[in-house]
PDB file of N, CA and C in Angstrom:
ATOM      1  N   MET A   1     -10.624  13.010  17.321  1.00  0.00           N
ATOM      2  CA  MET A   1     -10.293  11.614  17.093  1.00  0.00           C
ATOM      3  C   MET A   1     -11.578  10.846  16.812  1.00  0.00           C
ATOM      4  N   HIS A   2     -11.539  10.029  15.783  1.00  0.00           N
ATOM      5  CA  HIS A   2     -12.704   9.234  15.437  1.00  0.00           C
ATOM      6  C   HIS A   2     -12.629   7.878  16.122  1.00  0.00           C
ATOM      7  N   THR A   3     -13.755   7.407  16.568  1.00  0.00           N
ATOM      8  CA  THR A   3     -13.833   6.096  17.185  1.00  0.00           C
ATOM      9  C   THR A   3     -14.796   5.243  16.381  1.00  0.00           C
ATOM     10  N   HIS A   4     -14.367   4.056  16.016  1.00  0.00           N
ATOM     11  CA  HIS A   4     -15.206   3.147  15.240  1.00  0.00           C
ATOM     12  C   HIS A   4     -15.420   1.882  16.056  1.00  0.00           C
ATOM     13  N   PHE A   5     -16.666   1.649  16.423  1.00  0.00           N
ATOM     14  CA  PHE A   5     -16.978   0.492  17.247  1.00  0.00           C
ATOM     15  C   PHE A   5     -17.473  -0.690  16.427  1.00  0.00           C
ATOM     16  N   ASP A   6     -17.770  -0.460  15.159  1.00  0.00           N
ATOM     17  CA  ASP A   6     -18.345  -1.525  14.351  1.00  0.00           C
ATOM     18  C   ASP A   6     -17.410  -1.943  13.221  1.00  0.00           C
ATOM     19  N   VAL A   7     -16.179  -2.241  13.572  1.00  0.00           N
ATOM     20  CA  VAL A   7     -15.198  -2.680  12.586  1.00  0.00           C
ATOM     21  C   VAL A   7     -15.513  -4.119  12.194  1.00  0.00           C
ATOM     22  N   ASP A   8     -15.592  -4.363  10.896  1.00  0.00           N
ATOM     23  CA  ASP A   8     -15.746  -5.727  10.392  1.00  0.00           C
ATOM     24  C   ASP A   8     -14.338  -6.293  10.258  1.00  0.00           C
ATOM     25  N   TRP A   9     -13.927  -7.081  11.245  1.00  0.00           N
ATOM     26  CA  TRP A   9     -12.549  -7.541  11.307  1.00  0.00           C
ATOM     27  C   TRP A   9     -12.180  -8.447  10.143  1.00  0.00           C
ATOM     28  N   SER A  10     -13.141  -9.162   9.582  1.00  0.00           N
ATOM     29  CA  SER A  10     -12.823  -9.996   8.419  1.00  0.00           C
ATOM     30  C   SER A  10     -12.477  -9.125   7.216  1.00  0.00           C
ATOM     31  N   VAL A  11     -13.151  -8.001   7.064  1.00  0.00           N
ATOM     32  CA  VAL A  11     -12.837  -7.067   5.985  1.00  0.00           C
ATOM     33  C   VAL A  11     -11.488  -6.406   6.256  1.00  0.00           C
ATOM     34  N   ALA A  12     -11.253  -5.993   7.485  1.00  0.00           N
ATOM     35  CA  ALA A  12      -9.980  -5.360   7.836  1.00  0.00           C
ATOM     36  C   ALA A  12      -8.816  -6.316   7.574  1.00  0.00           C
ATOM     37  N   TRP A  13      -8.989  -7.585   7.925  1.00  0.00           N
ATOM     38  CA  TRP A  13      -7.930  -8.571   7.705  1.00  0.00           C
ATOM     39  C   TRP A  13      -7.688  -8.783   6.214  1.00  0.00           C
ATOM     40  N   ARG A  14      -8.759  -8.857   5.417  1.00  0.00           N
ATOM     41  CA  ARG A  14      -8.617  -9.045   3.973  1.00  0.00           C
ATOM     42  C   ARG A  14      -7.855  -7.883   3.363  1.00  0.00           C
ATOM     43  N   ILE A  15      -8.186  -6.672   3.761  1.00  0.00           N
ATOM     44  CA  ILE A  15      -7.490  -5.494   3.243  1.00  0.00           C
ATOM     45  C   ILE A  15      -6.019  -5.535   3.643  1.00  0.00           C
ATOM     46  N   ALA A  16      -5.757  -5.859   4.893  1.00  0.00           N
ATOM     47  CA  ALA A  16      -4.374  -5.866   5.387  1.00  0.00           C
ATOM     48  C   ALA A  16      -3.531  -6.944   4.725  1.00  0.00           C
ATOM     49  N   THR A  17      -4.144  -8.054   4.353  1.00  0.00           N
ATOM     50  CA  THR A  17      -3.362  -9.167   3.823  1.00  0.00           C
ATOM     51  C   THR A  17      -3.366  -9.276   2.308  1.00  0.00           C
ATOM     52  N   THR A  18      -4.321  -8.653   1.638  1.00  0.00           N
ATOM     53  CA  THR A  18      -4.372  -8.776   0.175  1.00  0.00           C
ATOM     54  C   THR A  18      -4.434  -7.437  -0.529  1.00  0.00           C
ATOM     55  N   ALA A  19      -5.344  -6.600  -0.151  1.00  0.00           N
ATOM     56  CA  ALA A  19      -5.555  -5.347  -0.880  1.00  0.00           C
ATOM     57  C   ALA A  19      -4.359  -4.412  -0.764  1.00  0.00           C
ATOM     58  N   LEU A  20      -3.721  -4.345   0.386  1.00  0.00           N
ATOM     59  CA  LEU A  20      -2.569  -3.459   0.544  1.00  0.00           C
ATOM     60  C   LEU A  20      -1.402  -3.912  -0.316  1.00  0.00           C
ATOM     61  N   ARG A  21      -1.207  -5.201  -0.426  1.00  0.00           N
ATOM     62  CA  ARG A  21      -0.138  -5.735  -1.265  1.00  0.00           C
ATOM     63  C   ARG A  21      -0.395  -5.361  -2.730  1.00  0.00           C
ATOM     64  N   GLU A  22      -1.637  -5.502  -3.163  1.00  0.00           N
ATOM     65  CA  GLU A  22      -1.999  -5.147  -4.539  1.00  0.00           C
ATOM     66  C   GLU A  22      -1.823  -3.649  -4.775  1.00  0.00           C
ATOM     67  N   LEU A  23      -2.237  -2.840  -3.824  1.00  0.00           N
ATOM     68  CA  LEU A  23      -2.075  -1.394  -3.941  1.00  0.00           C
ATOM     69  C   LEU A  23      -0.600  -1.018  -4.011  1.00  0.00           C
ATOM     70  N   GLN A  24       0.228  -1.651  -3.199  1.00  0.00           N
ATOM     71  CA  GLN A  24       1.662  -1.378  -3.225  1.00  0.00           C
ATOM     72  C   GLN A  24       2.247  -1.695  -4.599  1.00  0.00           C
ATOM     73  N   GLU A  25       1.832  -2.802  -5.187  1.00  0.00           N
ATOM     74  CA  GLU A  25       2.321  -3.172  -6.517  1.00  0.00           C
ATOM     75  C   GLU A  25       1.888  -2.148  -7.563  1.00  0.00           C
ATOM     76  N   GLN A  26       0.645  -1.692  -7.474  1.00  0.00           N
ATOM     77  CA  GLN A  26       0.144  -0.699  -8.424  1.00  0.00           C
ATOM     78  C   GLN A  26       0.885   0.624  -8.279  1.00  0.00           C
ATOM     79  N   LEU A  27       1.115   1.047  -7.043  1.00  0.00           N
ATOM     80  CA  LEU A  27       1.832   2.300  -6.812  1.00  0.00           C
ATOM     81  C   LEU A  27       3.283   2.207  -7.276  1.00  0.00           C
ATOM     82  N   THR A  28       3.907   1.064  -7.067  1.00  0.00           N
ATOM     83  CA  THR A  28       5.282   0.875  -7.526  1.00  0.00           C
ATOM     84  C   THR A  28       5.354   0.964  -9.044  1.00  0.00           C
ATOM     85  N   THR A  29       4.413   0.346  -9.732  1.00  0.00           N
ATOM     86  CA  THR A  29       4.364   0.415 -11.194  1.00  0.00           C
ATOM     87  C   THR A  29       4.187   1.854 -11.655  1.00  0.00           C
ATOM     88  N   LEU A  30       3.295   2.576 -11.010  1.00  0.00           N
ATOM     89  CA  LEU A  30       3.057   3.978 -11.355  1.00  0.00           C
ATOM     90  C   LEU A  30       4.305   4.822 -11.120  1.00  0.00           C
ATOM     91  N   LEU A  31       4.941   4.640  -9.971  1.00  0.00           N
ATOM     92  CA  LEU A  31       6.155   5.402  -9.677  1.00  0.00           C
ATOM     93  C   LEU A  31       7.258   5.118 -10.686  1.00  0.00           C
ATOM     94  N   LYS A  32       7.426   3.856 -11.053  1.00  0.00           N
ATOM     95  CA  LYS A  32       8.464   3.508 -12.025  1.00  0.00           C
ATOM     96  C   LYS A  32       8.201   4.161 -13.371  1.00  0.00           C
ATOM     97  N   ALA A  33       6.934   4.270 -13.757  1.00  0.00           N
ATOM     98  CA  ALA A  33       6.585   4.859 -15.048  1.00  0.00           C
ATOM     99  C   ALA A  33       6.679   6.380 -15.028  1.00  0.00           C
ATOM    100  N   GLU A  34       6.215   6.996 -13.958  1.00  0.00           N
ATOM    101  CA  GLU A  34       6.096   8.455 -13.909  1.00  0.00           C
ATOM    102  C   GLU A  34       7.242   9.150 -13.182  1.00  0.00           C
ATOM    103  N   PHE A  35       7.820   8.475 -12.207  1.00  0.00           N
ATOM    104  CA  PHE A  35       8.861   9.078 -11.374  1.00  0.00           C
ATOM    105  C   PHE A  35       9.991   8.073 -11.147  1.00  0.00           C
ATOM    106  N   PRO A  36      10.748   7.743 -12.188  1.00  0.00           N
ATOM    107  CA  PRO A  36      11.762   6.692 -12.057  1.00  0.00           C
ATOM    108  C   PRO A  36      12.830   6.983 -11.005  1.00  0.00           C
ATOM    109  N   LEU A  37      13.190   8.245 -10.821  1.00  0.00           N
ATOM    110  CA  LEU A  37      14.199   8.552  -9.795  1.00  0.00           C
ATOM    111  C   LEU A  37      13.674   8.256  -8.396  1.00  0.00           C
ATOM    112  N   VAL A  38      12.423   8.568  -8.159  1.00  0.00           N
ATOM    113  CA  VAL A  38      11.812   8.256  -6.863  1.00  0.00           C
ATOM    114  C   VAL A  38      11.719   6.744  -6.697  1.00  0.00           C
ATOM    115  N   ALA A  39      11.261   6.073  -7.745  1.00  0.00           N
ATOM    116  CA  ALA A  39      11.107   4.618  -7.681  1.00  0.00           C
ATOM    117  C   ALA A  39      12.438   3.929  -7.415  1.00  0.00           C
ATOM    118  N   SER A  40      13.517   4.469  -7.968  1.00  0.00           N
ATOM    119  CA  SER A  40      14.823   3.843  -7.752  1.00  0.00           C
ATOM    120  C   SER A  40      15.231   3.895  -6.287  1.00  0.00           C
ATOM    121  N   GLN A  41      14.717   4.853  -5.550  1.00  0.00           N
ATOM    122  CA  GLN A  41      15.033   4.971  -4.125  1.00  0.00           C
ATOM    123  C   GLN A  41      14.314   3.916  -3.289  1.00  0.00           C
ATOM    124  N   LEU A  42      13.251   3.332  -3.829  1.00  0.00           N
ATOM    125  CA  LEU A  42      12.503   2.319  -3.087  1.00  0.00           C
ATOM    126  C   LEU A  42      13.334   1.068  -2.837  1.00  0.00           C
ATOM    127  N   ASP A  43      14.247   0.787  -3.746  1.00  0.00           N
ATOM    128  CA  ASP A  43      15.070  -0.412  -3.621  1.00  0.00           C
ATOM    129  C   ASP A  43      16.337  -0.188  -2.809  1.00  0.00           C
ATOM    130  N   GLN A  44      16.581   1.040  -2.404  1.00  0.00           N
ATOM    131  CA  GLN A  44      17.789   1.370  -1.646  1.00  0.00           C
ATOM    132  C   GLN A  44      17.563   1.100  -0.157  1.00  0.00           C
ATOM    133  N   PRO A  45      18.553   0.517   0.525  1.00  0.00           N
ATOM    134  CA  PRO A  45      18.428   0.357   1.980  1.00  0.00           C
ATOM    135  C   PRO A  45      18.457   1.727   2.658  1.00  0.00           C
ATOM    136  N   HIS A  46      17.707   1.840   3.724  1.00  0.00           N
ATOM    137  CA  HIS A  46      17.624   3.126   4.432  1.00  0.00           C
ATOM    138  C   HIS A  46      18.471   3.110   5.668  1.00  0.00           C
TER     139      HIS A  46
END
């Protein structure tokens, strides 16, 4: 198990609130283009 004592919380917060949303959008676009059947499952309730 890795332990990180020097987390820059401002960077972690920025990633959690902005970068992850952007990454999700990019991955969704990629899935829709390359794997439409998989992408169609993203909109289905689980």
